[in-house]
Every structure is written in C-alpha cells, then in structure tokens.
Amino acid sequence: MIGMSGTYLLILGHGEAVAWVLREQRMAFPARRHAEVSRLEPGDELLVYATRGAWNNPTRDRGRVIARATVASPVTVLDPPVTVAGREFASGCRIRVTELAPFGGGVELAPLVPELAAFPDPASWSVRLRRPLLALPEQDAARLRGLLAEVAGTREEHLAGYLEHATGPRAARAV
C-alpha cells in the first residue's frame, strides 16, 4: 500500500494490554505475526477494538471499537522485546490516540457485522478477529469512524477509566 493510508481494526483481547496501548501510545506484536503487521505504515489509521473477553467478563461485556489512532512510526523489531499481560512481543510501533470512548462505551461491533464488508460471512465473523489486525474497506472504516465520533472524547478525558479497570500491578501506573 505504498503512498496510500490504510485503515485497520486493531484487536486487543486483554484489559491490561488495552491499558498499556492507550497509556503508552504504542502497539506491540508477537513475533509470529511480524509479516502480517510489517505492512503498517506511518499515517495508517487504527480503530482499536477491545474484545468482549478483554475485561474478564464476556457474558456481561461486549466487543467494542473504543478508540481511533494513527500509526506514528514504522513497525520495528523491539530489542529487548516487551512483555504485556504476561506475553512477549517482538515488534512494535508508536501510535497517536486521537479519540477514546469512555470506559464501557464505544461502538458495539456484533450488531454491525451484517453491514460490514470486512465480515463476508456473518455466521463466523468472530474467527476474523483472531489476529492483531484486520484490514477494513473504506466504507466499513467510515461507518465505524462516524459511530465512534458520536461517543468518543479525547484520550486525556477517558484514559483513567481504562487504567482503573485493567488487571495487573503496573496497569494503573500514572500517565
């Protein structure tokens, strides 16, 4: 995608990871996914999706698009790797979070799946979320972007709520 910015759903499945990404304004990827994520370029848009299991109560919580961010640096090998939520990540990039929904808010994805081209088979849509990134066609990105803008504020307004709900001893460290 040389010379063009893409939009991706950035999929996070653990509350501590969500808090780390939002607090540090960085994204880290496992080694086995380096080829998949190496196509990210500065300027690409990320719509951050927290899975329904991210906050440890998938029967209560819903998977939601919670933030909008821009890739701010190329993906590079991390030396040393970083550990987040007990997992080691070998590559990463800087991001700039431009919009953030209040904790517990955001755009619930499941009801929109039948309308989104990124999910050609609504019956098995969740299988496409078992990766860190999902490329979004522009019409899907525009729909999600618009809905998020209706409920989101700034990172500074809403970050504390995510830090308070993250698990792990270092998750709530001051910004």
C-alpha atoms as a PDB file:
ATOM      1  CA  MET A   1       0.000   0.000   0.000  1.00  0.00           C
ATOM      2  CA  ILE A   2       2.734   2.430  -0.964  1.00  0.00           C
ATOM      3  CA  GLY A   3       1.621   6.043  -0.866  1.00  0.00           C
ATOM      4  CA  MET A   4      -1.838   5.227   0.491  1.00  0.00           C
ATOM      5  CA  SER A   5      -3.001   5.041   4.064  1.00  0.00           C
ATOM      6  CA  GLY A   6      -4.983   2.031   5.138  1.00  0.00           C
ATOM      7  CA  THR A   7      -7.389   1.511   7.999  1.00  0.00           C
ATOM      8  CA  TYR A   8      -7.193  -1.498  10.280  1.00  0.00           C
ATOM      9  CA  LEU A   9      -9.150  -2.866  13.177  1.00  0.00           C
ATOM     10  CA  LEU A  10      -6.540  -3.275  15.939  1.00  0.00           C
ATOM     11  CA  ILE A  11      -7.775  -6.204  18.021  1.00  0.00           C
ATOM     12  CA  LEU A  12      -6.934  -6.364  21.738  1.00  0.00           C
ATOM     13  CA  GLY A  13      -8.151  -9.208  23.932  1.00  0.00           C
ATOM     14  CA  HIS A  14      -6.830  -8.354  27.396  1.00  0.00           C
ATOM     15  CA  GLY A  15      -7.627  -5.352  29.590  1.00  0.00           C
ATOM     16  CA  GLU A  16      -4.022  -4.921  30.679  1.00  0.00           C
ATOM     17  CA  ALA A  17      -2.990  -4.802  27.007  1.00  0.00           C
ATOM     18  CA  VAL A  18      -5.710  -2.234  26.249  1.00  0.00           C
ATOM     19  CA  ALA A  19      -4.487  -0.054  29.119  1.00  0.00           C
ATOM     20  CA  TRP A  20      -0.846  -0.400  28.014  1.00  0.00           C
ATOM     21  CA  VAL A  21      -1.606   0.547  24.398  1.00  0.00           C
ATOM     22  CA  LEU A  22      -3.703   3.557  25.407  1.00  0.00           C
ATOM     23  CA  ARG A  23      -1.281   4.715  28.125  1.00  0.00           C
ATOM     24  CA  GLU A  24       1.982   4.223  26.218  1.00  0.00           C
ATOM     25  CA  GLN A  25       0.585   5.100  22.777  1.00  0.00           C
ATOM     26  CA  ARG A  26       2.498   2.135  21.396  1.00  0.00           C
ATOM     27  CA  MET A  27       1.466  -1.138  19.851  1.00  0.00           C
ATOM     28  CA  ALA A  28       3.432  -4.359  20.187  1.00  0.00           C
ATOM     29  CA  PHE A  29       3.042  -7.534  18.142  1.00  0.00           C
ATOM     30  CA  PRO A  30       4.053 -11.169  18.723  1.00  0.00           C
ATOM     31  CA  ALA A  31       6.989 -12.496  16.688  1.00  0.00           C
ATOM     32  CA  ARG A  32       4.847 -14.920  14.721  1.00  0.00           C
ATOM     33  CA  ARG A  33       2.795 -12.015  13.344  1.00  0.00           C
ATOM     34  CA  HIS A  34       5.679  -9.833  12.136  1.00  0.00           C
ATOM     35  CA  ALA A  35       4.981 -10.412   8.421  1.00  0.00           C
ATOM     36  CA  GLU A  36       1.293  -9.570   8.899  1.00  0.00           C
ATOM     37  CA  VAL A  37       1.981  -6.313  10.725  1.00  0.00           C
ATOM     38  CA  SER A  38       5.025  -5.160   8.770  1.00  0.00           C
ATOM     39  CA  ARG A  39       2.718  -3.633   6.155  1.00  0.00           C
ATOM     40  CA  LEU A  40       1.625  -0.982   8.670  1.00  0.00           C
ATOM     41  CA  GLU A  41       2.976   2.428   7.721  1.00  0.00           C
ATOM     42  CA  PRO A  42       3.039   5.793   9.453  1.00  0.00           C
ATOM     43  CA  GLY A  43      -0.246   7.518   8.692  1.00  0.00           C
ATOM     44  CA  ASP A  44      -2.320   4.325   8.683  1.00  0.00           C
ATOM     45  CA  GLU A  45      -5.463   4.549  10.781  1.00  0.00           C
ATOM     46  CA  LEU A  46      -6.231   2.117  13.598  1.00  0.00           C
ATOM     47  CA  LEU A  47      -9.682   1.594  15.038  1.00  0.00           C
ATOM     48  CA  VAL A  48      -8.958  -0.033  18.393  1.00  0.00           C
ATOM     49  CA  TYR A  49     -11.263  -2.941  19.220  1.00  0.00           C
ATOM     50  CA  ALA A  50     -11.448  -4.439  22.721  1.00  0.00           C
ATOM     51  CA  THR A  51     -12.883  -7.961  22.595  1.00  0.00           C
ATOM     52  CA  ARG A  52     -15.725  -8.968  24.862  1.00  0.00           C
ATOM     53  CA  GLY A  53     -13.250 -11.004  26.923  1.00  0.00           C
ATOM     54  CA  ALA A  54     -10.836  -8.108  27.483  1.00  0.00           C
ATOM     55  CA  TRP A  55     -12.344  -7.193  30.850  1.00  0.00           C
ATOM     56  CA  ASN A  56     -12.697 -10.810  32.087  1.00  0.00           C
ATOM     57  CA  ASN A  57     -16.489 -10.964  31.869  1.00  0.00           C
ATOM     58  CA  PRO A  58     -17.537 -11.982  28.338  1.00  0.00           C
ATOM     59  CA  THR A  59     -21.135 -12.626  29.380  1.00  0.00           C
ATOM     60  CA  ARG A  60     -21.506  -9.011  30.555  1.00  0.00           C
ATOM     61  CA  ASP A  61     -19.151  -7.146  28.260  1.00  0.00           C
ATOM     62  CA  ARG A  62     -19.415  -6.611  24.520  1.00  0.00           C
ATOM     63  CA  GLY A  63     -16.663  -6.257  21.958  1.00  0.00           C
ATOM     64  CA  ARG A  64     -16.404  -2.587  21.106  1.00  0.00           C
ATOM     65  CA  VAL A  65     -14.442  -0.197  18.948  1.00  0.00           C
ATOM     66  CA  ILE A  66     -13.136   2.072  21.700  1.00  0.00           C
ATOM     67  CA  ALA A  67     -10.528   4.330  20.104  1.00  0.00           C
ATOM     68  CA  ARG A  68      -9.135   5.828  16.950  1.00  0.00           C
ATOM     69  CA  ALA A  69      -5.391   6.146  16.459  1.00  0.00           C
ATOM     70  CA  THR A  70      -2.805   6.838  13.783  1.00  0.00           C
ATOM     71  CA  VAL A  71       0.372   4.833  13.248  1.00  0.00           C
ATOM     72  CA  ALA A  72       3.193   7.253  14.115  1.00  0.00           C
ATOM     73  CA  SER A  73       6.297   5.172  13.293  1.00  0.00           C
ATOM     74  CA  PRO A  74       7.267   2.149  11.213  1.00  0.00           C
ATOM     75  CA  VAL A  75       6.953  -1.297  12.789  1.00  0.00           C
ATOM     76  CA  THR A  76      10.390  -2.304  14.048  1.00  0.00           C
ATOM     77  CA  VAL A  77      11.918  -5.193  15.965  1.00  0.00           C
ATOM     78  CA  LEU A  78      11.887  -4.473  19.704  1.00  0.00           C
ATOM     79  CA  ASP A  79      15.225  -5.153  21.366  1.00  0.00           C
ATOM     80  CA  PRO A  80      14.611  -6.123  24.040  1.00  0.00           C
ATOM     81  CA  PRO A  81      11.064  -7.408  23.472  1.00  0.00           C
ATOM     82  CA  VAL A  82       8.323  -6.015  25.733  1.00  0.00           C
ATOM     83  CA  THR A  83       6.103  -8.083  27.997  1.00  0.00           C
ATOM     84  CA  VAL A  84       2.469  -7.059  28.370  1.00  0.00           C
ATOM     85  CA  ALA A  85      -0.196  -9.102  30.166  1.00  0.00           C
ATOM     86  CA  GLY A  86       2.278 -11.961  30.541  1.00  0.00           C
ATOM     87  CA  ARG A  87       3.030 -12.228  26.816  1.00  0.00           C
ATOM     88  CA  GLU A  88       6.211 -11.276  24.997  1.00  0.00           C
ATOM     89  CA  PHE A  89       6.074  -9.034  21.949  1.00  0.00           C
ATOM     90  CA  ALA A  90       8.946  -8.798  19.479  1.00  0.00           C
ATOM     91  CA  SER A  91       7.955  -5.914  17.202  1.00  0.00           C
ATOM     92  CA  GLY A  92       6.023  -2.714  17.575  1.00  0.00           C
ATOM     93  CA  CYS A  93       5.326   0.848  16.575  1.00  0.00           C
ATOM     94  CA  ARG A  94       4.301   4.156  18.056  1.00  0.00           C
ATOM     95  CA  ILE A  95       0.708   5.290  17.679  1.00  0.00           C
ATOM     96  CA  ARG A  96      -1.142   8.527  18.395  1.00  0.00           C
ATOM     97  CA  VAL A  97      -4.569   8.056  20.012  1.00  0.00           C
ATOM     98  CA  THR A  98      -6.870  10.792  18.723  1.00  0.00           C
ATOM     99  CA  GLU A  99     -10.275   9.665  20.045  1.00  0.00           C
ATOM    100  CA  LEU A 100     -11.239   7.483  23.011  1.00  0.00           C
ATOM    101  CA  ALA A 101     -14.660   6.390  24.211  1.00  0.00           C
ATOM    102  CA  PRO A 102     -15.434   6.400  27.932  1.00  0.00           C
ATOM    103  CA  PHE A 103     -14.683   3.067  29.622  1.00  0.00           C
ATOM    104  CA  GLY A 104     -17.583   0.679  28.992  1.00  0.00           C
ATOM    105  CA  GLY A 105     -18.629   2.655  25.922  1.00  0.00           C
ATOM    106  CA  GLY A 106     -17.691   2.616  22.295  1.00  0.00           C
ATOM    107  CA  VAL A 107     -19.203   1.065  19.198  1.00  0.00           C
ATOM    108  CA  GLU A 108     -20.505  -2.464  19.711  1.00  0.00           C
ATOM    109  CA  LEU A 109     -19.323  -4.427  16.700  1.00  0.00           C
ATOM    110  CA  ALA A 110     -21.565  -7.530  16.674  1.00  0.00           C
ATOM    111  CA  PRO A 111     -24.806  -5.758  15.628  1.00  0.00           C
ATOM    112  CA  LEU A 112     -22.976  -4.086  12.721  1.00  0.00           C
ATOM    113  CA  VAL A 113     -21.361  -7.240  11.306  1.00  0.00           C
ATOM    114  CA  PRO A 114     -24.085  -7.933   8.687  1.00  0.00           C
ATOM    115  CA  GLU A 115     -23.497  -4.421   7.269  1.00  0.00           C
ATOM    116  CA  LEU A 116     -19.684  -4.625   7.135  1.00  0.00           C
ATOM    117  CA  ALA A 117     -17.824  -5.923   4.072  1.00  0.00           C
ATOM    118  CA  ALA A 118     -14.859  -6.964   6.246  1.00  0.00           C
ATOM    119  CA  PHE A 119     -17.052  -9.811   7.525  1.00  0.00           C
ATOM    120  CA  PRO A 120     -18.314 -11.624   4.410  1.00  0.00           C
ATOM    121  CA  ASP A 121     -19.772 -14.493   6.469  1.00  0.00           C
ATOM    122  CA  PRO A 122     -21.665 -13.026   9.427  1.00  0.00           C
ATOM    123  CA  ALA A 123     -22.196 -16.507  10.902  1.00  0.00           C
ATOM    124  CA  SER A 124     -18.465 -16.916  11.514  1.00  0.00           C
ATOM    125  CA  TRP A 125     -17.388 -13.282  11.827  1.00  0.00           C
ATOM    126  CA  SER A 126     -15.528 -13.683  15.109  1.00  0.00           C
ATOM    127  CA  VAL A 127     -12.946 -16.002  13.528  1.00  0.00           C
ATOM    128  CA  ARG A 128     -11.612 -12.958  11.624  1.00  0.00           C
ATOM    129  CA  LEU A 129     -10.783 -11.342  14.983  1.00  0.00           C
ATOM    130  CA  ARG A 130      -8.209 -13.980  15.969  1.00  0.00           C
ATOM    131  CA  ARG A 131      -5.332 -11.830  14.770  1.00  0.00           C
ATOM    132  CA  PRO A 132      -3.912  -8.461  15.803  1.00  0.00           C
ATOM    133  CA  LEU A 133      -5.040  -6.581  12.677  1.00  0.00           C
ATOM    134  CA  LEU A 134      -7.934  -6.763  10.254  1.00  0.00           C
ATOM    135  CA  ALA A 135      -7.823  -4.546   7.155  1.00  0.00           C
ATOM    136  CA  LEU A 136     -11.034  -2.565   6.749  1.00  0.00           C
ATOM    137  CA  PRO A 137     -12.545  -1.462   3.444  1.00  0.00           C
ATOM    138  CA  GLU A 138     -13.052   2.314   3.382  1.00  0.00           C
ATOM    139  CA  GLN A 139     -16.856   2.066   3.633  1.00  0.00           C
ATOM    140  CA  ASP A 140     -16.539  -0.025   6.820  1.00  0.00           C
ATOM    141  CA  ALA A 141     -13.918   2.322   8.233  1.00  0.00           C
ATOM    142  CA  ALA A 142     -16.118   5.353   7.511  1.00  0.00           C
ATOM    143  CA  ARG A 143     -19.112   3.746   9.246  1.00  0.00           C
ATOM    144  CA  LEU A 144     -17.148   2.777  12.359  1.00  0.00           C
ATOM    145  CA  ARG A 145     -15.286   6.112  12.428  1.00  0.00           C
ATOM    146  CA  GLY A 146     -18.562   8.044  12.311  1.00  0.00           C
ATOM    147  CA  LEU A 147     -20.201   5.996  15.050  1.00  0.00           C
ATOM    148  CA  LEU A 148     -17.127   6.273  17.273  1.00  0.00           C
ATOM    149  CA  ALA A 149     -17.015  10.061  16.816  1.00  0.00           C
ATOM    150  CA  GLU A 150     -20.552  10.247  18.267  1.00  0.00           C
ATOM    151  CA  VAL A 151     -19.459   8.745  21.608  1.00  0.00           C
ATOM    152  CA  ALA A 152     -15.726   9.433  21.933  1.00  0.00           C
ATOM    153  CA  GLY A 153     -13.793  12.249  23.505  1.00  0.00           C
ATOM    154  CA  THR A 154     -10.086  12.743  23.901  1.00  0.00           C
ATOM    155  CA  ARG A 155      -7.567  10.277  25.286  1.00  0.00           C
ATOM    156  CA  GLU A 156      -6.950  12.653  28.188  1.00  0.00           C
ATOM    157  CA  GLU A 157     -10.659  12.723  29.091  1.00  0.00           C
ATOM    158  CA  HIS A 158     -11.150   8.966  29.256  1.00  0.00           C
ATOM    159  CA  LEU A 159      -7.816   7.202  29.809  1.00  0.00           C
ATOM    160  CA  ALA A 160      -8.179   6.959  33.605  1.00  0.00           C
ATOM    161  CA  GLY A 161     -11.252   4.722  33.286  1.00  0.00           C
ATOM    162  CA  TYR A 162      -9.301   2.131  31.299  1.00  0.00           C
ATOM    163  CA  LEU A 163      -6.357   2.235  33.687  1.00  0.00           C
ATOM    164  CA  GLU A 164      -8.664   1.713  36.677  1.00  0.00           C
ATOM    165  CA  HIS A 165     -10.247  -1.386  35.139  1.00  0.00           C
ATOM    166  CA  ALA A 166      -7.102  -3.037  33.786  1.00  0.00           C
ATOM    167  CA  THR A 167      -5.692  -6.014  35.623  1.00  0.00           C
ATOM    168  CA  GLY A 168      -2.100  -6.415  36.669  1.00  0.00           C
ATOM    169  CA  PRO A 169       0.064  -4.495  39.126  1.00  0.00           C
ATOM    170  CA  ARG A 170       1.523  -1.984  36.668  1.00  0.00           C
ATOM    171  CA  ALA A 171      -1.582  -1.259  34.610  1.00  0.00           C
ATOM    172  CA  ALA A 172      -2.719   1.752  36.629  1.00  0.00           C
ATOM    173  CA  ARG A 173       0.676   3.480  36.702  1.00  0.00           C
ATOM    174  CA  ALA A 174       0.321   7.227  36.233  1.00  0.00           C
ATOM    175  CA  VAL A 175       0.213   8.609  32.708  1.00  0.00           C
END
